[in-house]
């Protein structure tokens, strides 16, 4: 009983850390429903349920529905009124589509600003990376280049196999290891093509503290990306492959992942693994892998909700006076035993 109460308190603290007034306003504006006739189910409650799915590592919405049916405390936390049924998977699906990624982007941006005001973010060095998530569809047997039930997904070579899915492109603060921005593209879209949009989202929002260095691996090595970073008044720290900048003393990385070149660039490049740790936490603890939706907009909504869950976890730790635990998800690991 004490353990269950601690888990519910941890979830309550996580929800409260988000500034629920702002969240509710963003959801209301995006939903755009006139308050006439029968009152709809709580938008804020459905949002909380989506976060619950991610922090509790619930793989599918049927399992989430069963968990809410069996746990009165969680129903109360997710604003399910007495006598109401838990949110059915179809209700949550309509909620995500109706809200759209625009409102979730506003909420994520608000979380990042909160962390910035708390002086958690350093911002001076930002790392870029991309990760693959498998589409909730199989390949079309009549057209192997597209998905059968998700035509917007793309193909990407994973080891010796070609897999259908999406690429999640993100930027992270290397000191705090907090994500700053994210975009989603079909898996066949190269990192170089996604980089300009990601950079604009990351850098142009900075007003008080300027991004000084942009660190990325050799997948981002192109003149266009480097020029875009410089145009945004930052320094590119991107290693050149062997076939580029021959004979010049530039940053390079060998097959054993050892960096070579100017010492200042090598020191900055050592910060790049921070973004990989962010990706690892998103996949391991916040449900990034558990994609159960189709279409680019819906996938982006799923990804942004995972990012919001990670940022809310950090905000909750800070507000509880535990800044050293901003990268820990230990509060929610016990939720799995209740299912």
Protein backbone atom coordinates (compact mmCIF):
# COMPACT_ATOMS: atom_id res chain seq x y z
CA UNK A 1 0.00 0.00 0.00
CA UNK A 2 2.81 2.44 0.90
CA UNK A 3 4.54 1.65 -2.37
CA UNK A 4 1.37 2.35 -4.36
CA UNK A 5 0.91 5.67 -2.57
CA UNK A 6 4.51 6.66 -3.34
CA UNK A 7 3.99 5.85 -7.02
CA UNK A 8 0.81 7.93 -7.21
CA UNK A 9 2.58 10.81 -5.46
CA UNK A 10 5.44 10.60 -7.97
CA UNK A 11 2.96 10.79 -10.85
CA UNK A 12 1.11 13.67 -9.18
CA UNK A 13 4.39 15.57 -8.79
CA UNK A 14 5.27 14.91 -12.43
CA UNK A 15 1.91 16.24 -13.66
CA UNK A 16 2.10 19.31 -11.43
CA UNK A 17 5.63 20.11 -12.61
CA UNK A 18 4.26 20.80 -16.08
CA UNK A 19 2.32 23.98 -15.19
CA UNK A 20 -1.07 22.42 -15.87
CA UNK A 21 -2.78 25.77 -16.45
CA UNK A 22 -0.56 26.40 -19.48
CA UNK A 23 -1.02 22.81 -20.68
CA UNK A 24 -4.81 23.02 -20.44
CA UNK A 25 -4.88 26.33 -22.31
CA UNK A 26 -2.71 24.92 -25.11
CA UNK A 27 -4.94 21.86 -25.42
CA UNK A 28 -8.13 23.95 -25.40
CA UNK A 29 -6.83 26.30 -28.11
CA UNK A 30 -5.78 23.40 -30.31
CA UNK A 31 -8.95 21.38 -29.78
CA UNK A 32 -11.17 24.34 -30.67
CA UNK A 33 -14.39 22.81 -29.44
CA UNK A 34 -17.27 25.11 -28.44
CA UNK A 35 -18.57 24.31 -25.00
CA UNK A 36 -22.11 23.51 -26.02
CA UNK A 37 -24.16 20.36 -25.54
CA UNK A 38 -22.68 17.39 -23.76
CA UNK A 39 -19.40 18.25 -22.01
CA UNK A 40 -16.45 16.31 -23.55
CA UNK A 41 -14.07 14.13 -21.60
CA UNK A 42 -11.27 15.99 -19.85
CA UNK A 43 -8.58 17.08 -22.31
CA UNK A 44 -6.10 17.44 -19.47
CA UNK A 45 -7.01 13.97 -18.21
CA UNK A 46 -6.37 12.44 -21.63
CA UNK A 47 -3.03 14.25 -21.80
CA UNK A 48 -2.09 12.85 -18.39
CA UNK A 49 -3.08 9.37 -19.57
CA UNK A 50 -0.77 9.70 -22.57
CA UNK A 51 2.09 10.64 -20.26
CA UNK A 52 1.22 7.74 -17.96
CA UNK A 53 1.62 5.34 -20.89
CA UNK A 54 5.12 6.62 -21.50
CA UNK A 55 6.51 6.88 -17.97
CA UNK A 56 5.06 3.48 -17.03
CA UNK A 57 6.51 1.89 -20.21
CA UNK A 58 3.14 0.53 -21.31
CA UNK A 59 3.49 -0.99 -24.76
CA UNK A 60 -0.06 -0.65 -26.08
CA UNK A 61 -3.27 1.24 -25.38
CA UNK A 62 -5.31 -1.88 -24.52
CA UNK A 63 -2.93 -2.55 -21.64
CA UNK A 64 -3.20 1.09 -20.56
CA UNK A 65 -7.01 0.80 -20.59
CA UNK A 66 -6.88 -2.32 -18.39
CA UNK A 67 -4.52 -0.61 -15.95
CA UNK A 68 -6.92 2.31 -15.53
CA UNK A 69 -9.88 -0.05 -15.12
CA UNK A 70 -8.15 -1.85 -12.26
CA UNK A 71 -6.63 1.12 -10.43
CA UNK A 72 -8.88 3.75 -8.88
CA UNK A 73 -5.95 5.96 -7.82
CA UNK A 74 -4.73 6.24 -11.40
CA UNK A 75 -8.23 7.04 -12.63
CA UNK A 76 -8.41 9.93 -10.16
CA UNK A 77 -4.96 11.16 -11.23
CA UNK A 78 -6.05 11.07 -14.88
CA UNK A 79 -9.25 13.06 -14.13
CA UNK A 80 -11.65 10.19 -14.73
CA UNK A 81 -14.76 11.21 -12.82
CA UNK A 82 -16.72 8.84 -10.60
CA UNK A 83 -19.07 6.79 -12.73
CA UNK A 84 -17.10 7.43 -15.94
CA UNK A 85 -15.30 4.68 -17.80
CA UNK A 86 -11.53 4.96 -18.37
CA UNK A 87 -10.44 6.51 -21.64
CA UNK A 88 -10.83 3.93 -24.38
CA UNK A 89 -7.96 3.60 -26.91
CA UNK A 90 -10.26 5.07 -29.60
CA UNK A 91 -10.87 8.16 -27.42
CA UNK A 92 -7.13 8.70 -26.97
CA UNK A 93 -6.55 8.21 -30.70
CA UNK A 94 -9.09 10.93 -31.53
CA UNK A 95 -7.57 13.15 -28.86
CA UNK A 96 -4.06 12.96 -30.38
CA UNK A 97 -5.34 13.61 -33.88
CA UNK A 98 -7.58 16.49 -32.81
CA UNK A 99 -4.90 18.16 -30.69
CA UNK A 100 -2.14 17.65 -33.25
CA UNK A 101 1.62 18.04 -32.82
CA UNK A 102 1.39 21.86 -32.76
CA UNK A 103 0.01 21.95 -29.20
CA UNK A 104 2.43 19.27 -28.00
CA UNK A 105 5.26 21.35 -29.52
CA UNK A 106 4.10 24.38 -27.53
CA UNK A 107 4.09 22.33 -24.32
CA UNK A 108 7.57 20.94 -25.00
CA UNK A 109 8.90 24.44 -25.72
CA UNK A 110 7.34 25.66 -22.48
CA UNK A 111 9.09 22.87 -20.55
CA UNK A 112 12.44 23.78 -22.10
CA UNK A 113 11.89 27.44 -21.17
CA UNK A 114 11.10 26.42 -17.59
CA UNK A 115 14.37 24.50 -17.36
CA UNK A 116 16.20 27.46 -18.90
CA UNK A 117 14.75 29.85 -16.29
CA UNK A 118 15.89 27.43 -13.58
CA UNK A 119 19.45 27.64 -14.99
CA UNK A 120 19.50 23.91 -15.67
CA UNK A 121 20.45 24.36 -19.32
CA UNK A 122 23.88 25.52 -20.41
CA UNK A 123 22.99 25.93 -24.14
CA UNK A 124 26.53 26.89 -25.20
CA UNK A 125 27.20 23.48 -26.78
CA UNK A 126 24.38 21.64 -28.55
CA UNK A 127 24.64 18.14 -30.04
CA UNK A 128 22.60 16.81 -32.96
CA UNK A 129 21.72 13.21 -33.65
CA UNK A 130 19.06 11.01 -35.24
CA UNK A 131 17.54 7.70 -34.20
CA UNK A 132 15.27 5.20 -35.92
CA UNK A 133 11.90 3.96 -34.69
CA UNK A 134 10.08 1.14 -36.40
CA UNK A 135 6.76 1.97 -38.06
CA UNK A 136 3.50 0.47 -36.83
CA UNK A 137 3.02 -1.24 -40.20
CA UNK A 138 4.55 -3.85 -42.44
CA UNK A 139 5.82 -3.28 -45.94
CA UNK A 140 3.33 -3.37 -48.80
CA UNK A 141 3.80 -6.68 -50.68
CA UNK A 142 2.80 -4.93 -53.94
CA UNK A 143 5.17 -2.02 -53.41
CA UNK A 144 8.13 -2.84 -51.17
CA UNK A 145 9.17 0.83 -51.02
CA UNK A 146 6.19 1.86 -48.87
CA UNK A 147 4.15 0.65 -45.92
CA UNK A 148 0.90 -1.25 -46.22
CA UNK A 149 -1.02 0.69 -43.54
CA UNK A 150 1.42 3.60 -43.14
CA UNK A 151 2.32 5.02 -46.53
CA UNK A 152 4.29 7.94 -45.03
CA UNK A 153 6.95 5.74 -43.40
CA UNK A 154 10.28 5.28 -45.18
CA UNK A 155 12.83 2.50 -45.57
CA UNK A 156 16.19 2.39 -43.84
CA UNK A 157 18.94 -0.22 -43.75
CA UNK A 158 19.33 -1.66 -40.25
CA UNK A 159 22.30 -4.00 -40.20
CA UNK A 160 21.63 -6.47 -42.99
CA UNK A 161 17.90 -5.74 -43.17
CA UNK A 162 15.80 -2.97 -44.68
CA UNK A 163 13.20 -1.78 -42.16
CA UNK A 164 10.19 0.50 -42.42
CA UNK A 165 10.06 3.41 -40.01
CA UNK A 166 10.76 7.02 -39.11
CA UNK A 167 13.80 9.05 -38.19
CA UNK A 168 13.66 11.14 -35.02
CA UNK A 169 16.08 14.07 -35.33
CA UNK A 170 16.90 15.85 -32.08
CA UNK A 171 19.11 18.49 -30.53
CA UNK A 172 20.26 18.26 -26.91
CA UNK A 173 22.13 20.44 -24.44
CA UNK A 174 25.37 18.56 -23.81
CA UNK A 175 25.83 19.69 -20.19
CA UNK A 176 22.38 18.92 -18.75
CA UNK A 177 21.58 16.20 -21.33
CA UNK A 178 18.14 17.70 -21.86
CA UNK A 179 16.48 17.71 -25.31
CA UNK A 180 15.88 21.13 -26.84
CA UNK A 181 14.10 20.40 -30.13
CA UNK A 182 12.91 17.47 -32.24
CA UNK A 183 11.53 16.81 -35.70
CA UNK A 184 10.37 13.59 -37.37
CA UNK A 185 10.94 12.55 -40.98
CA UNK A 186 10.50 9.30 -42.93
CA UNK A 187 13.47 7.01 -42.26
CA UNK A 188 14.90 7.50 -45.75
CA UNK A 189 15.43 11.27 -45.20
CA UNK A 190 19.12 11.92 -44.63
CA UNK A 191 20.34 13.75 -41.52
CA UNK A 192 21.82 16.51 -43.69
CA UNK A 193 18.40 17.38 -45.11
CA UNK A 194 16.75 17.49 -41.68
CA UNK A 195 19.56 19.49 -40.03
CA UNK A 196 18.59 23.03 -41.23
CA UNK A 197 15.06 22.77 -39.85
CA UNK A 198 16.33 21.30 -36.59
CA UNK A 199 18.98 24.02 -36.24
CA UNK A 200 16.44 26.78 -36.76
CA UNK A 201 14.17 25.32 -34.10
CA UNK A 202 17.09 25.01 -31.68
CA UNK A 203 19.08 28.20 -32.22
CA UNK A 204 16.59 30.86 -33.28
CA UNK A 205 14.66 30.51 -30.03
CA UNK A 206 17.72 31.41 -27.96
CA UNK A 207 17.65 35.02 -26.81
CA UNK A 208 19.49 35.39 -23.50
CA UNK A 209 22.19 32.75 -24.02
CA UNK A 210 23.67 32.05 -27.40
CA UNK A 211 24.47 28.62 -28.82
CA UNK A 212 28.20 28.74 -29.51
CA UNK A 213 28.99 25.22 -30.74
CA UNK A 214 26.99 22.65 -32.70
CA UNK A 215 28.42 19.12 -32.37
CA UNK A 216 27.39 16.26 -34.67
CA UNK A 217 28.87 13.12 -36.20
CA UNK A 218 30.13 12.71 -39.76
CA UNK A 219 26.61 11.93 -41.05
CA UNK A 220 26.07 15.71 -40.90
CA UNK A 221 29.27 16.50 -42.78
CA UNK A 222 28.35 18.78 -45.67
CA UNK A 223 29.18 22.30 -46.71
CA UNK A 224 25.51 23.27 -46.56
CA UNK A 225 25.14 22.18 -42.92
CA UNK A 226 28.36 23.91 -41.89
CA UNK A 227 27.30 27.12 -43.63
CA UNK A 228 23.90 26.98 -41.94
CA UNK A 229 25.52 26.62 -38.50
CA UNK A 230 27.81 29.59 -39.21
CA UNK A 231 24.90 31.65 -40.55
CA UNK A 232 23.18 31.11 -37.20
CA UNK A 233 26.31 32.49 -35.50
CA UNK A 234 27.58 29.19 -34.09
CA UNK A 235 30.67 27.03 -34.65
CA UNK A 236 30.28 23.65 -36.42
CA UNK A 237 32.10 20.76 -34.74
CA UNK A 238 31.56 18.04 -37.33
CA UNK A 239 34.25 15.54 -38.36
CA UNK A 240 35.12 15.23 -42.04
CA UNK A 241 35.09 11.79 -43.72
CA UNK A 242 38.22 10.59 -45.50
CA UNK A 243 37.01 11.72 -48.92
CA UNK A 244 36.49 15.33 -47.80
CA UNK A 245 39.01 18.13 -47.07
CA UNK A 246 42.00 16.01 -48.12
CA UNK A 247 45.36 17.31 -46.97
CA UNK A 248 43.84 19.71 -44.45
CA UNK A 249 44.20 19.55 -40.66
CA UNK A 250 40.56 19.17 -39.71
CA UNK A 251 38.55 17.14 -37.24
CA UNK A 252 38.31 13.47 -38.18
CA UNK A 253 37.19 10.27 -36.46
CA UNK A 254 38.73 6.88 -37.26
CA UNK A 255 37.14 3.44 -37.28
CA UNK A 256 37.85 2.99 -33.57
CA UNK A 257 35.97 6.25 -32.86
CA UNK A 258 39.16 8.08 -31.91
CA UNK A 259 39.15 11.76 -32.84
CA UNK A 260 42.06 13.48 -34.61
CA UNK A 261 42.72 17.11 -35.43
CA UNK A 262 42.82 20.44 -33.56
CA UNK A 263 42.69 19.92 -29.79
CA UNK A 264 39.88 22.46 -29.26
CA UNK A 265 37.62 20.64 -31.74
CA UNK A 266 38.51 17.26 -30.24
CA UNK A 267 37.54 18.45 -26.76
CA UNK A 268 34.22 19.78 -28.00
CA UNK A 269 33.52 16.60 -29.98
CA UNK A 270 33.88 14.53 -26.79
CA UNK A 271 30.60 16.07 -25.65
CA UNK A 272 28.63 14.47 -28.51
CA UNK A 273 27.75 11.22 -26.63
CA UNK A 274 25.44 13.33 -24.43
CA UNK A 275 22.80 13.28 -27.16
CA UNK A 276 23.13 9.49 -27.49
CA UNK A 277 22.39 9.14 -23.77
CA UNK A 278 19.27 11.26 -24.27
CA UNK A 279 18.13 8.90 -27.04
CA UNK A 280 18.85 5.88 -24.84
CA UNK A 281 16.70 7.26 -22.00
CA UNK A 282 13.88 8.12 -24.37
CA UNK A 283 13.82 4.58 -25.75
CA UNK A 284 14.42 2.74 -22.48
CA UNK A 285 12.36 4.75 -19.99
CA UNK A 286 9.92 6.99 -21.88
CA UNK A 287 8.37 4.77 -24.55
CA UNK A 288 9.91 6.15 -27.73
CA UNK A 289 10.07 2.63 -29.17
CA UNK A 290 6.41 1.88 -28.36
CA UNK A 291 5.02 3.43 -31.53
CA UNK A 292 1.36 2.49 -31.92
CA UNK A 293 0.18 5.07 -34.43
CA UNK A 294 0.53 5.76 -38.15
CA UNK A 295 1.23 8.80 -40.29
CA UNK A 296 3.87 11.49 -39.95
CA UNK A 297 1.78 13.91 -37.86
CA UNK A 298 0.64 11.21 -35.47
CA UNK A 299 4.18 9.87 -35.09
CA UNK A 300 5.42 13.39 -34.33
CA UNK A 301 2.74 13.71 -31.63
CA UNK A 302 3.94 10.43 -30.08
CA UNK A 303 7.57 11.58 -30.16
CA UNK A 304 6.79 14.97 -28.61
CA UNK A 305 4.81 13.30 -25.81
CA UNK A 306 7.86 11.14 -25.03
CA UNK A 307 10.04 14.25 -24.91
CA UNK A 308 7.52 16.03 -22.66
CA UNK A 309 7.53 13.04 -20.28
CA UNK A 310 11.34 13.20 -20.02
CA UNK A 311 11.33 16.98 -19.46
CA UNK A 312 8.49 16.75 -16.92
CA UNK A 313 10.51 14.15 -15.02
CA UNK A 314 13.43 16.62 -14.85
CA UNK A 315 11.18 19.50 -13.76
CA UNK A 316 9.61 17.31 -11.07
CA UNK A 317 13.03 16.36 -9.67
CA UNK A 318 14.12 20.01 -9.49
CA UNK A 319 10.90 21.15 -7.79
CA UNK A 320 11.37 18.40 -5.20
CA UNK A 321 14.88 19.68 -4.46
CA UNK A 322 16.59 16.76 -6.21
CA UNK A 323 18.47 18.37 -9.13
CA UNK A 324 20.92 15.45 -9.24
CA UNK A 325 18.03 13.19 -10.33
CA UNK A 326 16.89 15.11 -13.41
CA UNK A 327 18.11 12.26 -15.63
CA UNK A 328 16.65 9.46 -13.48
CA UNK A 329 13.29 7.76 -14.02
CA UNK A 330 13.45 5.58 -10.89
CA UNK A 331 10.17 7.01 -9.55
CA UNK A 332 8.19 5.15 -12.19
CA UNK A 333 9.94 1.82 -12.48
CA UNK A 334 7.63 0.30 -9.85
CA UNK A 335 4.53 0.94 -11.91
CA UNK A 336 5.22 -2.19 -13.94
CA UNK A 337 4.46 -4.54 -11.05
CA UNK A 338 0.86 -3.29 -10.80
CA UNK A 339 -0.14 -4.53 -14.23
